[in-house]
Amino acid sequence: MNEINKEIKSRTVGYIGAALGLVAGLAWNEAITAMIEKLFPLSKDTVTVKFIYAGLVTAAVVILITQLERFVNKPSKDK
């Protein structure tokens, strides 16, 4: 029963962390969108601009995740 409680707590913390990450991501999305609208005053309903924004964000996330994976999987120098 103790192992089940640990697993429940672990998963709950993981889900809460993921939810908070989503909230932070949405906040950044809103901030970046506002910055783009200020720097490049285009029509807000321009589908092309939204696709360009989505593509740039996707590319940035892929690069960031790739760099993070390299950092985490880097062999330690302790050997």
C-alpha atoms as a PDB file:
ATOM      1  CA  MET A   1       0.000   0.000   0.000  1.00  0.00           C
ATOM      2  CA  ASN A   2       2.918   2.324   0.729  1.00  0.00           C
ATOM      3  CA  GLU A   3       4.249   1.932  -2.845  1.00  0.00           C
ATOM      4  CA  ILE A   4       0.839   2.863  -4.241  1.00  0.00           C
ATOM      5  CA  ASN A   5       0.743   6.030  -2.129  1.00  0.00           C
ATOM      6  CA  LYS A   6       4.237   6.989  -3.346  1.00  0.00           C
ATOM      7  CA  GLU A   7       3.186   6.404  -6.955  1.00  0.00           C
ATOM      8  CA  ILE A   8       0.028   8.484  -6.508  1.00  0.00           C
ATOM      9  CA  LYS A   9       2.008  11.335  -4.958  1.00  0.00           C
ATOM     10  CA  SER A  10       4.663  11.155  -7.666  1.00  0.00           C
ATOM     11  CA  ARG A  11       2.115  11.226 -10.485  1.00  0.00           C
ATOM     12  CA  THR A  12       0.135  14.017  -8.830  1.00  0.00           C
ATOM     13  CA  VAL A  13       3.243  16.179  -8.560  1.00  0.00           C
ATOM     14  CA  GLY A  14       4.050  15.388 -12.199  1.00  0.00           C
ATOM     15  CA  TYR A  15       0.557  16.385 -13.352  1.00  0.00           C
ATOM     16  CA  ILE A  16       0.622  19.584 -11.314  1.00  0.00           C
ATOM     17  CA  GLY A  17       4.038  20.437 -12.764  1.00  0.00           C
ATOM     18  CA  ALA A  18       2.763  19.823 -16.293  1.00  0.00           C
ATOM     19  CA  ALA A  19      -0.280  22.004 -15.660  1.00  0.00           C
ATOM     20  CA  LEU A  20       1.877  24.826 -14.314  1.00  0.00           C
ATOM     21  CA  GLY A  21       4.149  24.468 -17.333  1.00  0.00           C
ATOM     22  CA  LEU A  22       1.127  24.840 -19.591  1.00  0.00           C
ATOM     23  CA  VAL A  23       0.045  27.995 -17.752  1.00  0.00           C
ATOM     24  CA  ALA A  24       3.555  29.441 -18.114  1.00  0.00           C
ATOM     25  CA  GLY A  25       3.588  28.516 -21.807  1.00  0.00           C
ATOM     26  CA  LEU A  26       0.265  30.238 -22.394  1.00  0.00           C
ATOM     27  CA  ALA A  27       1.502  33.347 -20.587  1.00  0.00           C
ATOM     28  CA  TRP A  28       4.625  33.445 -22.772  1.00  0.00           C
ATOM     29  CA  ASN A  29       2.505  32.900 -25.874  1.00  0.00           C
ATOM     30  CA  GLU A  30       0.383  35.914 -24.979  1.00  0.00           C
ATOM     31  CA  ALA A  31       3.446  38.056 -24.243  1.00  0.00           C
ATOM     32  CA  ILE A  32       5.216  37.099 -27.484  1.00  0.00           C
ATOM     33  CA  THR A  33       2.044  37.638 -29.501  1.00  0.00           C
ATOM     34  CA  ALA A  34       1.645  41.123 -28.014  1.00  0.00           C
ATOM     35  CA  MET A  35       5.289  41.929 -28.788  1.00  0.00           C
ATOM     36  CA  ILE A  36       4.928  40.794 -32.405  1.00  0.00           C
ATOM     37  CA  GLU A  37       1.754  42.835 -32.825  1.00  0.00           C
ATOM     38  CA  LYS A  38       3.551  45.900 -31.454  1.00  0.00           C
ATOM     39  CA  LEU A  39       6.679  45.452 -33.577  1.00  0.00           C
ATOM     40  CA  PHE A  40       4.851  44.401 -36.744  1.00  0.00           C
ATOM     41  CA  PRO A  41       1.393  45.997 -36.734  1.00  0.00           C
ATOM     42  CA  LEU A  42      -0.368  43.648 -39.129  1.00  0.00           C
ATOM     43  CA  SER A  43      -3.943  42.544 -39.271  1.00  0.00           C
ATOM     44  CA  LYS A  44      -4.634  40.279 -36.286  1.00  0.00           C
ATOM     45  CA  ASP A  45      -6.657  37.922 -38.451  1.00  0.00           C
ATOM     46  CA  THR A  46      -3.912  37.269 -40.986  1.00  0.00           C
ATOM     47  CA  VAL A  47      -3.675  33.506 -41.298  1.00  0.00           C
ATOM     48  CA  THR A  48      -0.262  33.662 -42.946  1.00  0.00           C
ATOM     49  CA  VAL A  49       1.239  35.591 -40.027  1.00  0.00           C
ATOM     50  CA  LYS A  50      -0.190  33.064 -37.569  1.00  0.00           C
ATOM     51  CA  PHE A  51       1.351  30.173 -39.502  1.00  0.00           C
ATOM     52  CA  ILE A  52       4.719  31.943 -39.656  1.00  0.00           C
ATOM     53  CA  TYR A  53       4.551  32.548 -35.896  1.00  0.00           C
ATOM     54  CA  ALA A  54       3.632  28.900 -35.260  1.00  0.00           C
ATOM     55  CA  GLY A  55       6.502  27.733 -37.472  1.00  0.00           C
ATOM     56  CA  LEU A  56       9.036  29.975 -35.738  1.00  0.00           C
ATOM     57  CA  VAL A  57       7.874  28.894 -32.278  1.00  0.00           C
ATOM     58  CA  THR A  58       8.008  25.234 -33.314  1.00  0.00           C
ATOM     59  CA  ALA A  59      11.547  25.625 -34.672  1.00  0.00           C
ATOM     60  CA  ALA A  60      12.662  27.395 -31.492  1.00  0.00           C
ATOM     61  CA  VAL A  61      11.156  24.670 -29.290  1.00  0.00           C
ATOM     62  CA  VAL A  62      12.782  21.887 -31.326  1.00  0.00           C
ATOM     63  CA  ILE A  63      16.184  23.586 -31.051  1.00  0.00           C
ATOM     64  CA  LEU A  64      15.740  24.176 -27.317  1.00  0.00           C
ATOM     65  CA  ILE A  65      14.644  20.601 -26.612  1.00  0.00           C
ATOM     66  CA  THR A  66      17.525  19.217 -28.702  1.00  0.00           C
ATOM     67  CA  GLN A  67      20.024  21.298 -26.736  1.00  0.00           C
ATOM     68  CA  LEU A  68      18.462  20.274 -23.414  1.00  0.00           C
ATOM     69  CA  GLU A  69      18.611  16.581 -24.375  1.00  0.00           C
ATOM     70  CA  ARG A  70      22.280  16.929 -25.322  1.00  0.00           C
ATOM     71  CA  PHE A  71      22.976  18.621 -21.989  1.00  0.00           C
ATOM     72  CA  VAL A  72      21.122  15.980 -19.970  1.00  0.00           C
ATOM     73  CA  ASN A  73      22.606  13.024 -21.869  1.00  0.00           C
ATOM     74  CA  LYS A  74      26.164  14.392 -21.866  1.00  0.00           C
ATOM     75  CA  PRO A  75      28.543  11.837 -20.374  1.00  0.00           C
ATOM     76  CA  SER A  76      29.908  12.904 -17.028  1.00  0.00           C
ATOM     77  CA  LYS A  77      33.616  13.747 -16.717  1.00  0.00           C
ATOM     78  CA  ASP A  78      33.869  11.931 -13.371  1.00  0.00           C
ATOM     79  CA  LYS A  79      35.021   8.681 -14.975  1.00  0.00           C
END
